[in-house]
Amino acid sequence: MKATFETRVASLVLSAFAIALTVGIAAQSSYCQERKAINLSPDRGLPFSDGIVAGNTLYVAGQEGTDDAGKLAAGGIGPETTTALDNIQKVLKAAGFELKDVVSVTVYLADIHEFPDMNKVYKTVMPDPKPARATMQAAALVNNARVEISAIAVKQK
């Protein structure tokens, strides 16, 4: 009878420990990461942020080759790509990130045949090692742009 009682007590203690451990882990994993919106031009009235910081990751919304007034850079795909990448750098800087923190890029082109010209500019701006990248042709881009570029950056701890 004494052995049965000790077995039950040990089982209860072990169960209580397992429950406490499970609750602790669940509470820690459900802890929300800080989220911060980055808006370079909040007065433009568009329903999105230029970037969102979640923890140590920055998600940069698609940036076109437009100036602060919203006008596309003149001269086609090359100048638009340069300006789009400049706009990404502005979002990165506002969030406390750098170009070297970018780990993934998505490039949308109005005409896939302009890939070589976009790529020429891209290679000169993005530091090594180059981020992972996807490039695709879109049926149309906002503002009749030739290129739109989004990025994900991760800050090293």
Protein backbone atom coordinates (compact mmCIF):
# COMPACT_ATOMS: atom_id res chain seq x y z
CA MET A 1 0.00 0.00 0.00
CA LYS A 2 2.88 2.33 0.85
CA ALA A 3 4.50 1.70 -2.56
CA THR A 4 1.21 2.48 -4.33
CA PHE A 5 0.87 5.78 -2.42
CA GLU A 6 4.49 6.78 -3.27
CA THR A 7 3.89 5.86 -6.90
CA ARG A 8 0.78 8.05 -6.99
CA VAL A 9 2.59 10.98 -5.36
CA ALA A 10 5.51 10.63 -7.80
CA SER A 11 3.05 10.45 -10.69
CA LEU A 12 1.22 13.59 -9.49
CA VAL A 13 4.49 15.50 -9.05
CA LEU A 14 5.65 14.45 -12.51
CA SER A 15 2.28 15.40 -14.02
CA ALA A 16 2.35 18.80 -12.31
CA PHE A 17 5.88 19.40 -13.63
CA ALA A 18 4.83 18.41 -17.17
CA ILE A 19 1.81 20.72 -17.05
CA ALA A 20 3.90 23.63 -15.73
CA LEU A 21 6.50 23.04 -18.45
CA THR A 22 3.82 22.88 -21.18
CA VAL A 23 2.15 26.08 -19.95
CA GLY A 24 5.51 27.86 -19.80
CA ILE A 25 6.44 26.84 -23.33
CA ALA A 26 2.98 27.72 -24.67
CA ALA A 27 3.10 31.14 -23.02
CA GLN A 28 6.54 31.82 -24.43
CA SER A 29 5.68 30.75 -28.00
CA SER A 30 2.48 32.79 -28.01
CA TYR A 31 4.38 35.91 -26.99
CA CYS A 32 3.82 38.42 -29.78
CA GLN A 33 6.77 39.97 -31.52
CA GLU A 34 6.89 43.72 -31.69
CA ARG A 35 5.28 45.07 -34.86
CA LYS A 36 6.09 48.52 -36.10
CA ALA A 37 4.84 50.21 -39.26
CA ILE A 38 7.28 52.25 -41.36
CA ASN A 39 5.53 54.97 -43.38
CA LEU A 40 7.68 57.41 -45.31
CA SER A 41 4.71 59.28 -46.81
CA PRO A 42 1.72 58.76 -44.52
CA ASP A 43 -0.21 61.59 -46.19
CA ARG A 44 -0.50 59.75 -49.53
CA GLY A 45 -3.66 58.01 -48.30
CA LEU A 46 -2.84 54.50 -49.53
CA PRO A 47 -3.97 51.52 -47.41
CA PHE A 48 -0.53 49.98 -46.77
CA SER A 49 2.75 50.66 -45.00
CA ASP A 50 6.10 51.06 -46.75
CA GLY A 51 7.43 48.46 -44.35
CA ILE A 52 6.54 46.41 -41.32
CA VAL A 53 9.09 45.41 -38.68
CA ALA A 54 8.20 42.17 -36.89
CA GLY A 55 10.85 41.15 -34.41
CA ASN A 56 14.17 41.35 -36.22
CA THR A 57 12.60 41.14 -39.70
CA LEU A 58 11.56 44.00 -41.99
CA TYR A 59 9.07 43.41 -44.80
CA VAL A 60 9.40 46.16 -47.41
CA ALA A 61 6.35 46.79 -49.60
CA GLY A 62 6.81 46.94 -53.35
CA GLN A 63 8.67 50.13 -54.27
CA GLU A 64 8.44 51.72 -57.69
CA GLY A 65 10.93 54.07 -59.27
CA THR A 66 9.04 57.17 -58.16
CA ASP A 67 10.29 60.35 -56.53
CA ASP A 68 8.79 61.95 -53.40
CA ALA A 69 6.11 63.60 -55.57
CA GLY A 70 5.06 60.22 -56.98
CA LYS A 71 6.47 60.80 -60.47
CA LEU A 72 8.31 57.98 -62.23
CA ALA A 73 12.00 58.47 -62.92
CA ALA A 74 12.46 59.47 -66.55
CA GLY A 75 14.49 57.31 -68.91
CA GLY A 76 12.96 53.85 -68.64
CA ILE A 77 13.86 50.70 -66.77
CA GLY A 78 17.41 51.67 -65.69
CA PRO A 79 16.54 54.90 -63.87
CA GLU A 80 13.32 53.39 -62.50
CA THR A 81 15.28 50.43 -61.07
CA THR A 82 17.84 52.77 -59.49
CA THR A 83 15.08 54.87 -57.90
CA ALA A 84 13.11 51.81 -56.72
CA LEU A 85 16.24 50.48 -55.00
CA ASP A 86 16.87 53.94 -53.52
CA ASN A 87 13.32 53.89 -52.16
CA ILE A 88 13.96 50.47 -50.58
CA GLN A 89 17.09 51.89 -48.95
CA LYS A 90 15.02 54.76 -47.49
CA VAL A 91 12.61 52.27 -45.90
CA LEU A 92 15.52 50.18 -44.62
CA LYS A 93 17.18 53.24 -43.06
CA ALA A 94 13.93 54.46 -41.47
CA ALA A 95 13.56 51.04 -39.82
CA GLY A 96 17.19 50.88 -38.67
CA PHE A 97 18.27 48.31 -41.25
CA GLU A 98 20.90 48.36 -44.00
CA LEU A 99 21.07 47.04 -47.54
CA LYS A 100 23.35 44.22 -46.34
CA ASP A 101 20.45 42.98 -44.14
CA VAL A 102 18.28 42.18 -47.20
CA VAL A 103 17.86 38.42 -47.60
CA SER A 104 15.12 38.19 -50.23
CA VAL A 105 13.94 40.37 -53.11
CA THR A 106 11.02 40.08 -55.51
CA VAL A 107 11.21 42.04 -58.76
CA TYR A 108 8.11 42.65 -60.90
CA LEU A 109 8.74 43.78 -64.47
CA ALA A 110 6.18 45.19 -66.87
CA ASP A 111 8.24 43.63 -69.70
CA ILE A 112 10.44 40.60 -69.00
CA HIS A 113 12.58 41.59 -71.99
CA GLU A 114 13.90 44.47 -69.84
CA PHE A 115 15.40 41.95 -67.40
CA PRO A 116 19.02 42.48 -68.59
CA ASP A 117 18.79 46.27 -68.12
CA MET A 118 17.19 45.92 -64.68
CA ASN A 119 19.76 43.29 -63.70
CA LYS A 120 22.66 45.54 -64.73
CA VAL A 121 21.53 48.20 -62.25
CA TYR A 122 20.57 45.67 -59.57
CA LYS A 123 24.06 44.10 -59.60
CA THR A 124 25.73 47.45 -58.95
CA VAL A 125 23.48 48.35 -55.99
CA MET A 126 22.99 45.11 -54.04
CA PRO A 127 25.95 44.07 -51.90
CA ASP A 128 27.48 40.60 -51.87
CA PRO A 129 26.36 38.05 -51.04
CA LYS A 130 23.36 38.90 -53.19
CA PRO A 131 19.95 38.15 -51.61
CA ALA A 132 17.71 35.38 -52.87
CA ARG A 133 15.57 36.80 -55.66
CA ALA A 134 12.55 36.07 -57.80
CA THR A 135 11.83 38.06 -60.95
CA MET A 136 8.60 37.89 -62.89
CA GLN A 137 6.62 39.77 -65.46
CA ALA A 138 3.40 41.38 -64.26
CA ALA A 139 0.51 42.13 -66.59
CA ALA A 140 0.57 45.73 -65.39
CA LEU A 141 2.10 47.78 -62.60
CA VAL A 142 0.61 50.74 -60.73
CA ASN A 143 1.43 54.17 -62.21
CA ASN A 144 2.40 52.47 -65.47
CA ALA A 145 5.77 51.67 -63.87
CA ARG A 146 8.35 49.48 -65.61
CA VAL A 147 9.52 47.86 -62.34
CA GLU A 148 8.41 47.30 -58.75
CA ILE A 149 10.66 45.73 -56.12
CA SER A 150 9.83 44.34 -52.66
CA ALA A 151 12.29 43.03 -50.08
CA ILE A 152 12.69 41.20 -46.80
CA ALA A 153 15.53 42.13 -44.46
CA VAL A 154 16.69 40.38 -41.30
CA LYS A 155 18.82 42.17 -38.72
CA GLN A 156 21.53 40.09 -37.09
CA LYS A 157 21.24 40.00 -33.31
